Amino acid sequence: MYGFLHKDKLSAEAAAVVYGERISHAQLARHKVEQEAISGKDKVNIAMMMDLVRASLLRLRTRYNDNQLPHDRAAAAKFVQELSTRAGNDALFEQQLASQGYTRRQFTDKVEARQMELALLERNLAPQSQVDNAAIMAHYKLIKDELTIPASRPVKHIFISTLHRSDDDARRAGELVMSRLESGEGFAELAAEMSDDTATAQRGGNLGTVYDDAHITLPELNLFGEQALPAGCPSLVKSKWGWHVVLPGPVTPAYTPSLDECRETLRTAIISAQREIGVNTFFDTLIKEGMQQKHIKIHVK
């Protein structure tokens, strides 16, 4: 994918060289461990290497643009002080810094440099951080159907399984539940006593909100459509798993939010996507330029 995978004397000394700045094998190993700890997945060396190359390029580009970027020592010092407060006290914080090879001043220098790097990146992403209403409208029309919230209703049930009893016995148990409900016993109490659905029995048989979509729970219960079970009225219904005394709530019709209702959410999503593309383009351009001029050399595969 990336060129210049040389095996020369330099490869023993550095994992990569970016415009004369070396990235050590120890840095690569440390970054790989950190990223795997965050994601929980094994990472490919070349992918980890390119992370460090991008970081090095941003650092070098920031240094090159030094006079054009804002220096805000106060903001860096404030951030470091906040970290110190979280650590408990200044002495403990500085001990922690020393264990990582930093004095407080050196660490503040690092924070300030990082803030400048982010400022440089933000400056390059400025065009991608804007989106006009026409683009939002076009995107809304494109994904409008995906935004539709299907019809829904709350549902409770008392489940009588046919796993360890005959279908007739399960139906009779369901009829007994219906009779006891008609005599005034509470649905929640009967669910706790009679339901074979252990996950819902102790919460009154509550299945939660069920949506009329491709993932509908137990479609044979007829919760939606012209033959939908009436709200607030227990019904005895058979499924492939057994019998259910179903108590559905009212149906909330399907709903598609208007453009005005989701405008700002769409604006944020579009900007986020544009910025991701912008970041990748920014670094891909720098990497391509460095590779063509042979200023970037990578010594790992």
C-alpha atoms as a PDB file:
ATOM      1  CA  MET A   1       0.000   0.000   0.000  1.00  0.00           C
ATOM      2  CA  TYR A   2       2.735   2.433   1.003  1.00  0.00           C
ATOM      3  CA  GLY A   3       6.137   2.380  -0.649  1.00  0.00           C
ATOM      4  CA  PHE A   4       9.723   2.373   0.516  1.00  0.00           C
ATOM      5  CA  LEU A   5       9.602  -0.733   2.709  1.00  0.00           C
ATOM      6  CA  HIS A   6      13.385  -0.838   2.788  1.00  0.00           C
ATOM      7  CA  LYS A   7      15.519  -3.362   4.668  1.00  0.00           C
ATOM      8  CA  ASP A   8      18.700  -1.435   5.213  1.00  0.00           C
ATOM      9  CA  LYS A   9      20.881  -0.417   8.161  1.00  0.00           C
ATOM     10  CA  LEU A  10      18.438   2.369   9.051  1.00  0.00           C
ATOM     11  CA  SER A  11      15.554  -0.072   9.551  1.00  0.00           C
ATOM     12  CA  ALA A  12      17.325  -1.468  12.607  1.00  0.00           C
ATOM     13  CA  GLU A  13      17.423   1.996  14.119  1.00  0.00           C
ATOM     14  CA  ALA A  14      13.962   3.336  13.257  1.00  0.00           C
ATOM     15  CA  ALA A  15      10.543   2.010  12.276  1.00  0.00           C
ATOM     16  CA  ALA A  16      10.069   5.005   9.980  1.00  0.00           C
ATOM     17  CA  VAL A  17      11.642   8.321   9.043  1.00  0.00           C
ATOM     18  CA  VAL A  18       9.423  11.309   8.268  1.00  0.00           C
ATOM     19  CA  TYR A  19      11.266  14.324   6.867  1.00  0.00           C
ATOM     20  CA  GLY A  20      14.282  13.348   8.962  1.00  0.00           C
ATOM     21  CA  GLU A  21      12.258  12.751  12.122  1.00  0.00           C
ATOM     22  CA  ARG A  22      12.618   9.165  13.282  1.00  0.00           C
ATOM     23  CA  ILE A  23       9.871   7.002  14.724  1.00  0.00           C
ATOM     24  CA  SER A  24      11.381   4.248  16.847  1.00  0.00           C
ATOM     25  CA  HIS A  25      10.335   0.623  17.022  1.00  0.00           C
ATOM     26  CA  ALA A  26       9.654   1.236  20.738  1.00  0.00           C
ATOM     27  CA  GLN A  27       7.200   4.029  19.848  1.00  0.00           C
ATOM     28  CA  LEU A  28       5.443   1.735  17.418  1.00  0.00           C
ATOM     29  CA  ALA A  29       5.226  -1.087  19.958  1.00  0.00           C
ATOM     30  CA  ARG A  30       3.900   1.276  22.651  1.00  0.00           C
ATOM     31  CA  HIS A  31       1.305   2.772  20.291  1.00  0.00           C
ATOM     32  CA  LYS A  32       0.184  -0.699  19.205  1.00  0.00           C
ATOM     33  CA  VAL A  33      -0.309  -1.808  22.821  1.00  0.00           C
ATOM     34  CA  GLU A  34      -2.234   1.377  23.659  1.00  0.00           C
ATOM     35  CA  GLN A  35      -4.561   1.077  20.651  1.00  0.00           C
ATOM     36  CA  GLU A  36      -5.225  -2.613  21.244  1.00  0.00           C
ATOM     37  CA  ALA A  37      -6.046  -1.844  24.877  1.00  0.00           C
ATOM     38  CA  ILE A  38      -8.560   0.782  23.738  1.00  0.00           C
ATOM     39  CA  SER A  39     -10.218  -1.267  20.984  1.00  0.00           C
ATOM     40  CA  GLY A  40      -9.679  -4.769  22.295  1.00  0.00           C
ATOM     41  CA  LYS A  41      -8.561  -5.869  18.827  1.00  0.00           C
ATOM     42  CA  ASP A  42      -5.227  -6.870  17.343  1.00  0.00           C
ATOM     43  CA  LYS A  43      -3.837  -4.104  15.157  1.00  0.00           C
ATOM     44  CA  VAL A  44      -1.777  -4.508  11.991  1.00  0.00           C
ATOM     45  CA  ASN A  45       1.710  -3.003  12.249  1.00  0.00           C
ATOM     46  CA  ILE A  46       1.418  -0.924   9.073  1.00  0.00           C
ATOM     47  CA  ALA A  47      -1.867   0.618  10.265  1.00  0.00           C
ATOM     48  CA  MET A  48      -0.280   1.531  13.600  1.00  0.00           C
ATOM     49  CA  MET A  49       2.772   2.833  11.790  1.00  0.00           C
ATOM     50  CA  MET A  50       0.645   5.146   9.646  1.00  0.00           C
ATOM     51  CA  ASP A  51      -0.985   6.540  12.799  1.00  0.00           C
ATOM     52  CA  LEU A  52       2.459   7.622  13.997  1.00  0.00           C
ATOM     53  CA  VAL A  53       3.417   8.934  10.545  1.00  0.00           C
ATOM     54  CA  ARG A  54       0.286  11.110  10.501  1.00  0.00           C
ATOM     55  CA  ALA A  55       1.067  12.402  13.987  1.00  0.00           C
ATOM     56  CA  SER A  56       4.627  13.193  12.908  1.00  0.00           C
ATOM     57  CA  LEU A  57       3.446  14.990   9.759  1.00  0.00           C
ATOM     58  CA  LEU A  58       0.985  17.097  11.759  1.00  0.00           C
ATOM     59  CA  ARG A  59       3.715  17.982  14.235  1.00  0.00           C
ATOM     60  CA  LEU A  60       6.122  18.976  11.470  1.00  0.00           C
ATOM     61  CA  ARG A  61       3.486  20.938   9.554  1.00  0.00           C
ATOM     62  CA  THR A  62       2.600  22.797  12.752  1.00  0.00           C
ATOM     63  CA  ARG A  63       6.231  23.649  13.335  1.00  0.00           C
ATOM     64  CA  TYR A  64       6.460  24.946   9.741  1.00  0.00           C
ATOM     65  CA  ASN A  65       3.358  27.125  10.250  1.00  0.00           C
ATOM     66  CA  ASP A  66       4.463  28.248  13.709  1.00  0.00           C
ATOM     67  CA  ASN A  67       4.179  31.981  13.055  1.00  0.00           C
ATOM     68  CA  GLN A  68       0.674  31.624  11.623  1.00  0.00           C
ATOM     69  CA  LEU A  69      -0.774  29.683  14.559  1.00  0.00           C
ATOM     70  CA  PRO A  70      -1.985  31.064  17.880  1.00  0.00           C
ATOM     71  CA  HIS A  71       0.230  30.560  20.932  1.00  0.00           C
ATOM     72  CA  ASP A  72      -1.908  30.200  24.022  1.00  0.00           C
ATOM     73  CA  ARG A  73       0.357  29.352  26.913  1.00  0.00           C
ATOM     74  CA  ALA A  74      -2.320  30.333  29.402  1.00  0.00           C
ATOM     75  CA  ALA A  75      -4.783  27.814  27.990  1.00  0.00           C
ATOM     76  CA  ALA A  76      -2.155  25.066  28.100  1.00  0.00           C
ATOM     77  CA  ALA A  77      -1.222  25.953  31.687  1.00  0.00           C
ATOM     78  CA  LYS A  78      -4.894  25.944  32.692  1.00  0.00           C
ATOM     79  CA  PHE A  79      -5.377  22.493  31.192  1.00  0.00           C
ATOM     80  CA  VAL A  80      -2.316  21.163  33.006  1.00  0.00           C
ATOM     81  CA  GLN A  81      -3.564  22.672  36.272  1.00  0.00           C
ATOM     82  CA  GLU A  82      -6.899  20.900  35.818  1.00  0.00           C
ATOM     83  CA  LEU A  83      -5.039  17.606  35.406  1.00  0.00           C
ATOM     84  CA  SER A  84      -3.042  18.390  38.521  1.00  0.00           C
ATOM     85  CA  THR A  85      -6.243  18.992  40.500  1.00  0.00           C
ATOM     86  CA  ARG A  86      -7.622  15.627  39.411  1.00  0.00           C
ATOM     87  CA  ALA A  87      -4.417  13.956  40.562  1.00  0.00           C
ATOM     88  CA  GLY A  88      -5.006  15.251  44.082  1.00  0.00           C
ATOM     89  CA  ASN A  89      -2.217  17.784  44.502  1.00  0.00           C
ATOM     90  CA  ASP A  90       0.676  19.370  42.600  1.00  0.00           C
ATOM     91  CA  ALA A  91       3.345  17.224  44.241  1.00  0.00           C
ATOM     92  CA  LEU A  92       1.652  13.949  43.333  1.00  0.00           C
ATOM     93  CA  PHE A  93       0.962  15.195  39.809  1.00  0.00           C
ATOM     94  CA  GLU A  94       4.579  16.162  39.269  1.00  0.00           C
ATOM     95  CA  GLN A  95       5.692  12.758  40.545  1.00  0.00           C
ATOM     96  CA  GLN A  96       3.462  11.155  37.945  1.00  0.00           C
ATOM     97  CA  LEU A  97       4.932  13.409  35.256  1.00  0.00           C
ATOM     98  CA  ALA A  98       8.471  12.578  36.365  1.00  0.00           C
ATOM     99  CA  SER A  99       7.702   8.852  36.055  1.00  0.00           C
ATOM    100  CA  GLN A 100       6.924   9.547  32.392  1.00  0.00           C
ATOM    101  CA  GLY A 101      10.057  11.628  31.877  1.00  0.00           C
ATOM    102  CA  TYR A 102       8.483  15.106  32.023  1.00  0.00           C
ATOM    103  CA  THR A 103       8.850  18.173  34.158  1.00  0.00           C
ATOM    104  CA  ARG A 104       5.717  20.266  34.554  1.00  0.00           C
ATOM    105  CA  ARG A 105       7.141  22.817  32.132  1.00  0.00           C
ATOM    106  CA  GLN A 106       7.995  20.180  29.536  1.00  0.00           C
ATOM    107  CA  PHE A 107       4.524  18.708  29.795  1.00  0.00           C
ATOM    108  CA  THR A 108       2.953  22.167  29.422  1.00  0.00           C
ATOM    109  CA  ASP A 109       5.124  22.683  26.317  1.00  0.00           C
ATOM    110  CA  LYS A 110       3.749  19.398  24.952  1.00  0.00           C
ATOM    111  CA  VAL A 111       0.147  20.416  25.672  1.00  0.00           C
ATOM    112  CA  GLU A 112       0.657  23.808  24.030  1.00  0.00           C
ATOM    113  CA  ALA A 113       2.180  22.142  20.961  1.00  0.00           C
ATOM    114  CA  ARG A 114      -0.737  19.737  20.774  1.00  0.00           C
ATOM    115  CA  GLN A 115      -3.208  22.612  20.957  1.00  0.00           C
ATOM    116  CA  MET A 116      -1.411  24.270  18.058  1.00  0.00           C
ATOM    117  CA  GLU A 117      -1.560  21.032  16.064  1.00  0.00           C
ATOM    118  CA  LEU A 118      -5.312  20.859  16.621  1.00  0.00           C
ATOM    119  CA  ALA A 119      -5.624  24.533  15.616  1.00  0.00           C
ATOM    120  CA  LEU A 120      -3.795  23.785  12.363  1.00  0.00           C
ATOM    121  CA  LEU A 121      -6.045  20.822  11.663  1.00  0.00           C
ATOM    122  CA  GLU A 122      -9.156  22.874  12.450  1.00  0.00           C
ATOM    123  CA  ARG A 123      -8.009  25.594  10.070  1.00  0.00           C
ATOM    124  CA  ASN A 124      -7.708  23.050   7.275  1.00  0.00           C
ATOM    125  CA  LEU A 125     -11.102  21.569   8.133  1.00  0.00           C
ATOM    126  CA  ALA A 126     -12.927  24.914   8.144  1.00  0.00           C
ATOM    127  CA  PRO A 127     -14.530  24.352   4.687  1.00  0.00           C
ATOM    128  CA  GLN A 128     -15.793  20.929   5.841  1.00  0.00           C
ATOM    129  CA  SER A 129     -17.370  22.440   8.968  1.00  0.00           C
ATOM    130  CA  GLN A 130     -20.056  24.268   7.003  1.00  0.00           C
ATOM    131  CA  VAL A 131     -23.194  22.927   5.332  1.00  0.00           C
ATOM    132  CA  ASP A 132     -25.996  24.915   3.723  1.00  0.00           C
ATOM    133  CA  ASN A 133     -29.720  24.266   3.978  1.00  0.00           C
ATOM    134  CA  ALA A 134     -29.913  23.032   0.389  1.00  0.00           C
ATOM    135  CA  ALA A 135     -27.499  20.201   1.200  1.00  0.00           C
ATOM    136  CA  ILE A 136     -29.467  19.350   4.339  1.00  0.00           C
ATOM    137  CA  MET A 137     -32.722  19.223   2.352  1.00  0.00           C
ATOM    138  CA  ALA A 138     -31.165  17.000  -0.310  1.00  0.00           C
ATOM    139  CA  HIS A 139     -29.847  14.617   2.357  1.00  0.00           C
ATOM    140  CA  TYR A 140     -33.223  14.589   4.104  1.00  0.00           C
ATOM    141  CA  LYS A 141     -34.988  13.573   0.882  1.00  0.00           C
ATOM    142  CA  LEU A 142     -32.386  10.838   0.342  1.00  0.00           C
ATOM    143  CA  ILE A 143     -32.804   9.215   3.764  1.00  0.00           C
ATOM    144  CA  LYS A 144     -36.365  10.268   4.656  1.00  0.00           C
ATOM    145  CA  ASP A 145     -37.690   6.706   4.602  1.00  0.00           C
ATOM    146  CA  GLU A 146     -34.907   5.565   6.915  1.00  0.00           C
ATOM    147  CA  LEU A 147     -35.954   8.199   9.460  1.00  0.00           C
ATOM    148  CA  THR A 148     -39.499   6.823   9.770  1.00  0.00           C
ATOM    149  CA  ILE A 149     -40.276   5.416  13.204  1.00  0.00           C
ATOM    150  CA  PRO A 150     -42.548   2.378  12.757  1.00  0.00           C
ATOM    151  CA  ALA A 151     -45.831   1.964  14.599  1.00  0.00           C
ATOM    152  CA  SER A 152     -45.361   0.774  18.162  1.00  0.00           C
ATOM    153  CA  ARG A 153     -47.222  -0.205  21.295  1.00  0.00           C
ATOM    154  CA  PRO A 154     -46.376  -1.351  24.817  1.00  0.00           C
ATOM    155  CA  VAL A 155     -47.070  -5.048  25.401  1.00  0.00           C
ATOM    156  CA  LYS A 156     -47.303  -7.367  28.419  1.00  0.00           C
ATOM    157  CA  HIS A 157     -47.757 -11.104  28.332  1.00  0.00           C
ATOM    158  CA  ILE A 158     -48.042 -14.192  30.504  1.00  0.00           C
ATOM    159  CA  PHE A 159     -46.381 -17.040  28.650  1.00  0.00           C
ATOM    160  CA  ILE A 160     -47.379 -20.705  28.992  1.00  0.00           C
ATOM    161  CA  SER A 161     -44.722 -22.825  27.298  1.00  0.00           C
ATOM    162  CA  THR A 162     -45.407 -26.093  25.479  1.00  0.00           C
ATOM    163  CA  LEU A 163     -41.820 -27.244  26.009  1.00  0.00           C
ATOM    164  CA  HIS A 164     -42.634 -29.460  28.998  1.00  0.00           C
ATOM    165  CA  ARG A 165     -46.415 -29.801  28.652  1.00  0.00           C
ATOM    166  CA  SER A 166     -48.882 -30.663  25.922  1.00  0.00           C
ATOM    167  CA  ASP A 167     -50.504 -27.997  23.812  1.00  0.00           C
ATOM    168  CA  ASP A 168     -53.890 -28.772  25.414  1.00  0.00           C
ATOM    169  CA  ASP A 169     -52.482 -28.423  28.927  1.00  0.00           C
ATOM    170  CA  ALA A 170     -50.825 -25.119  28.013  1.00  0.00           C
ATOM    171  CA  ARG A 171     -54.053 -23.794  26.488  1.00  0.00           C
ATOM    172  CA  ARG A 172     -56.006 -24.769  29.615  1.00  0.00           C
ATOM    173  CA  ALA A 173     -53.423 -22.995  31.802  1.00  0.00           C
ATOM    174  CA  GLY A 174     -53.860 -19.905  29.624  1.00  0.00           C
ATOM    175  CA  GLU A 175     -57.648 -20.138  29.957  1.00  0.00           C
ATOM    176  CA  LEU A 176     -57.241 -20.328  33.736  1.00  0.00           C
ATOM    177  CA  VAL A 177     -55.157 -17.139  33.660  1.00  0.00           C
ATOM    178  CA  MET A 178     -57.859 -15.427  31.595  1.00  0.00           C
ATOM    179  CA  SER A 179     -60.508 -16.550  34.090  1.00  0.00           C
ATOM    180  CA  ARG A 180     -58.537 -15.250  37.044  1.00  0.00           C
ATOM    181  CA  LEU A 181     -58.019 -11.908  35.288  1.00  0.00           C
ATOM    182  CA  GLU A 182     -61.746 -11.653  34.650  1.00  0.00           C
ATOM    183  CA  SER A 183     -62.369 -12.263  38.353  1.00  0.00           C
ATOM    184  CA  GLY A 184     -60.229  -9.238  39.188  1.00  0.00           C
ATOM    185  CA  GLU A 185     -56.734 -10.590  39.908  1.00  0.00           C
ATOM    186  CA  GLY A 186     -53.838  -8.377  38.846  1.00  0.00           C
ATOM    187  CA  PHE A 187     -51.896  -9.015  35.642  1.00  0.00           C
ATOM    188  CA  ALA A 188     -48.508  -8.401  37.284  1.00  0.00           C
ATOM    189  CA  GLU A 189     -49.202 -10.823  40.138  1.00  0.00           C
ATOM    190  CA  LEU A 190     -50.387 -13.536  37.756  1.00  0.00           C
ATOM    191  CA  ALA A 191     -47.318 -12.990  35.529  1.00  0.00           C
ATOM    192  CA  ALA A 192     -45.019 -13.526  38.525  1.00  0.00           C
ATOM    193  CA  GLU A 193     -46.919 -16.694  39.469  1.00  0.00           C
ATOM    194  CA  MET A 194     -47.786 -18.276  36.132  1.00  0.00           C
ATOM    195  CA  SER A 195     -45.496 -17.020  33.339  1.00  0.00           C
ATOM    196  CA  ASP A 196     -42.775 -19.283  31.955  1.00  0.00           C
ATOM    197  CA  ASP A 197     -40.985 -16.224  30.561  1.00  0.00           C
ATOM    198  CA  THR A 198     -38.557 -15.736  33.444  1.00  0.00           C
ATOM    199  CA  ALA A 199     -37.116 -12.590  31.881  1.00  0.00           C
ATOM    200  CA  THR A 200     -40.436 -10.723  32.124  1.00  0.00           C
ATOM    201  CA  ALA A 201     -42.342 -12.549  34.871  1.00  0.00           C
ATOM    202  CA  GLN A 202     -40.846 -10.488  37.693  1.00  0.00           C
ATOM    203  CA  ARG A 203     -41.590  -7.197  35.960  1.00  0.00           C
ATOM    204  CA  GLY A 204     -45.274  -7.780  35.499  1.00  0.00           C
ATOM    205  CA  GLY A 205     -44.914  -9.586  32.182  1.00  0.00           C
ATOM    206  CA  ASN A 206     -43.690  -6.372  30.544  1.00  0.00           C
ATOM    207  CA  LEU A 207     -42.210  -6.968  27.079  1.00  0.00           C
ATOM    208  CA  GLY A 208     -41.555  -3.237  26.669  1.00  0.00           C
ATOM    209  CA  THR A 209     -42.345  -1.310  23.504  1.00  0.00           C
ATOM    210  CA  VAL A 210     -42.788  -3.509  20.442  1.00  0.00           C
ATOM    211  CA  TYR A 211     -42.269  -1.990  16.972  1.00  0.00           C
ATOM    212  CA  ASP A 212     -43.964  -2.996  13.740  1.00  0.00           C
ATOM    213  CA  ASP A 213     -40.817  -3.741  11.776  1.00  0.00           C
ATOM    214  CA  ALA A 214     -38.793  -6.636  10.409  1.00  0.00           C
ATOM    215  CA  HIS A 215     -37.562  -7.492  13.913  1.00  0.00           C
ATOM    216  CA  ILE A 216     -40.988  -7.670  15.546  1.00  0.00           C
ATOM    217  CA  THR A 217     -41.194 -10.030  18.504  1.00  0.00           C
ATOM    218  CA  LEU A 218     -43.665 -12.879  17.953  1.00  0.00           C
ATOM    219  CA  PRO A 219     -45.444 -11.641  14.791  1.00  0.00           C
ATOM    220  CA  GLU A 220     -48.173 -14.252  15.293  1.00  0.00           C
ATOM    221  CA  LEU A 221     -49.526 -12.239  18.238  1.00  0.00           C
ATOM    222  CA  ASN A 222     -51.274  -9.854  15.792  1.00  0.00           C
ATOM    223  CA  LEU A 223     -50.167  -6.646  17.453  1.00  0.00           C
ATOM    224  CA  PHE A 224     -50.499  -4.466  14.330  1.00  0.00           C
ATOM    225  CA  GLY A 225     -52.665  -4.179  11.249  1.00  0.00           C
ATOM    226  CA  GLU A 226     -56.374  -4.598  10.664  1.00  0.00           C
ATOM    227  CA  GLN A 227     -56.604  -7.668  12.916  1.00  0.00           C
ATOM    228  CA  ALA A 228     -54.567  -6.136  15.735  1.00  0.00           C
ATOM    229  CA  LEU A 229     -55.484  -7.141  19.285  1.00  0.00           C
ATOM    230  CA  PRO A 230     -57.481  -4.436  21.094  1.00  0.00           C
ATOM    231  CA  ALA A 231     -55.651  -2.210  23.554  1.00  0.00           C
ATOM    232  CA  GLY A 232     -56.211  -2.794  27.264  1.00  0.00           C
ATOM    233  CA  CYS A 233     -57.961  -6.119  26.757  1.00  0.00           C
ATOM    234  CA  PRO A 234     -56.228  -9.443  27.611  1.00  0.00           C
ATOM    235  CA  SER A 235     -56.316 -12.011  24.804  1.00  0.00           C
ATOM    236  CA  LEU A 236     -55.243 -15.649  24.691  1.00  0.00           C
ATOM    237  CA  VAL A 237     -53.055 -16.208  21.607  1.00  0.00           C
ATOM    238  CA  LYS A 238     -51.005 -19.168  20.360  1.00  0.00           C
ATOM    239  CA  SER A 239     -47.450 -18.914  19.039  1.00  0.00           C
ATOM    240  CA  LYS A 240     -44.950 -21.555  17.940  1.00  0.00           C
ATOM    241  CA  TRP A 241     -43.543 -21.505  21.485  1.00  0.00           C
ATOM    242  CA  GLY A 242     -46.789 -21.950  23.399  1.00  0.00           C
ATOM    243  CA  TRP A 243     -49.715 -19.817  24.564  1.00  0.00           C
ATOM    244  CA  HIS A 244     -49.683 -16.175  25.584  1.00  0.00           C
ATOM    245  CA  VAL A 245     -52.118 -14.093  27.551  1.00  0.00           C
ATOM    246  CA  VAL A 246     -51.349 -10.793  25.825  1.00  0.00           C
ATOM    247  CA  LEU A 247     -52.182  -7.355  27.214  1.00  0.00           C
ATOM    248  CA  PRO A 248     -51.291  -4.741  24.561  1.00  0.00           C
ATOM    249  CA  GLY A 249     -51.374  -0.988  25.059  1.00  0.00           C
ATOM    250  CA  PRO A 250     -52.490   1.641  22.532  1.00  0.00           C
ATOM    251  CA  VAL A 251     -50.822   1.806  19.111  1.00  0.00           C
ATOM    252  CA  THR A 252     -48.618   4.791  18.334  1.00  0.00           C
ATOM    253  CA  PRO A 253     -48.834   5.245  14.544  1.00  0.00           C
ATOM    254  CA  ALA A 254     -45.726   5.254  12.352  1.00  0.00           C
ATOM    255  CA  TYR A 255     -44.130   8.668  12.205  1.00  0.00           C
ATOM    256  CA  THR A 256     -41.656  10.423   9.921  1.00  0.00           C
ATOM    257  CA  PRO A 257     -40.049  13.516  11.465  1.00  0.00           C
ATOM    258  CA  SER A 258     -40.204  16.667   9.362  1.00  0.00           C
ATOM    259  CA  LEU A 259     -37.152  18.382   7.914  1.00  0.00           C
ATOM    260  CA  ASP A 260     -37.393  21.119  10.549  1.00  0.00           C
ATOM    261  CA  GLU A 261     -37.484  18.550  13.359  1.00  0.00           C
ATOM    262  CA  CYS A 262     -34.275  16.850  12.297  1.00  0.00           C
ATOM    263  CA  ARG A 263     -32.483  19.709  10.525  1.00  0.00           C
ATOM    264  CA  GLU A 264     -29.835  20.263  13.199  1.00  0.00           C
ATOM    265  CA  THR A 265     -29.266  16.541  13.703  1.00  0.00           C
ATOM    266  CA  LEU A 266     -28.721  16.157   9.955  1.00  0.00           C
ATOM    267  CA  ARG A 267     -26.461  19.218   9.907  1.00  0.00           C
ATOM    268  CA  THR A 268     -24.283  17.677  12.626  1.00  0.00           C
ATOM    269  CA  ALA A 269     -24.172  14.301  10.854  1.00  0.00           C
ATOM    270  CA  ILE A 270     -23.219  15.836   7.498  1.00  0.00           C
ATOM    271  CA  ILE A 271     -20.506  18.001   9.035  1.00  0.00           C
ATOM    272  CA  SER A 272     -19.131  15.003  10.933  1.00  0.00           C
ATOM    273  CA  ALA A 273     -18.937  12.974   7.703  1.00  0.00           C
ATOM    274  CA  GLN A 274     -17.374  15.895   5.797  1.00  0.00           C
ATOM    275  CA  ARG A 275     -14.777  16.413   8.535  1.00  0.00           C
ATOM    276  CA  GLU A 276     -13.833  12.737   8.533  1.00  0.00           C
ATOM    277  CA  ILE A 277     -13.287  12.888   4.781  1.00  0.00           C
ATOM    278  CA  GLY A 278     -11.401  16.170   5.233  1.00  0.00           C
ATOM    279  CA  VAL A 279      -9.043  14.687   7.829  1.00  0.00           C
ATOM    280  CA  ASN A 280      -8.301  11.680   5.613  1.00  0.00           C
ATOM    281  CA  THR A 281      -7.735  13.901   2.567  1.00  0.00           C
ATOM    282  CA  PHE A 282      -5.442  16.227   4.535  1.00  0.00           C
ATOM    283  CA  PHE A 283      -3.183  13.400   5.695  1.00  0.00           C
ATOM    284  CA  ASP A 284      -3.364  11.427   2.450  1.00  0.00           C
ATOM    285  CA  THR A 285      -2.119  14.513   0.587  1.00  0.00           C
ATOM    286  CA  LEU A 286       0.787  15.001   2.990  1.00  0.00           C
ATOM    287  CA  ILE A 287       1.703  11.304   2.864  1.00  0.00           C
ATOM    288  CA  LYS A 288       1.538  11.166  -0.938  1.00  0.00           C
ATOM    289  CA  GLU A 289       3.712  14.264  -1.211  1.00  0.00           C
ATOM    290  CA  GLY A 290       6.257  12.890   1.262  1.00  0.00           C
ATOM    291  CA  MET A 291       6.369   9.504  -0.442  1.00  0.00           C
ATOM    292  CA  GLN A 292       6.840  11.009  -3.909  1.00  0.00           C
ATOM    293  CA  GLN A 293       9.710  13.153  -2.656  1.00  0.00           C
ATOM    294  CA  LYS A 294      11.146  10.192  -0.697  1.00  0.00           C
ATOM    295  CA  HIS A 295      10.918  12.139   2.555  1.00  0.00           C
ATOM    296  CA  ILE A 296       8.893   9.348   4.177  1.00  0.00           C
ATOM    297  CA  LYS A 297      10.471   5.943   4.576  1.00  0.00           C
ATOM    298  CA  ILE A 298       8.768   3.068   6.370  1.00  0.00           C
ATOM    299  CA  HIS A 299      10.686   0.020   7.553  1.00  0.00           C
ATOM    300  CA  VAL A 300       7.912  -2.235   8.841  1.00  0.00           C
ATOM    301  CA  LYS A 301       5.365  -4.420   7.099  1.00  0.00           C
END
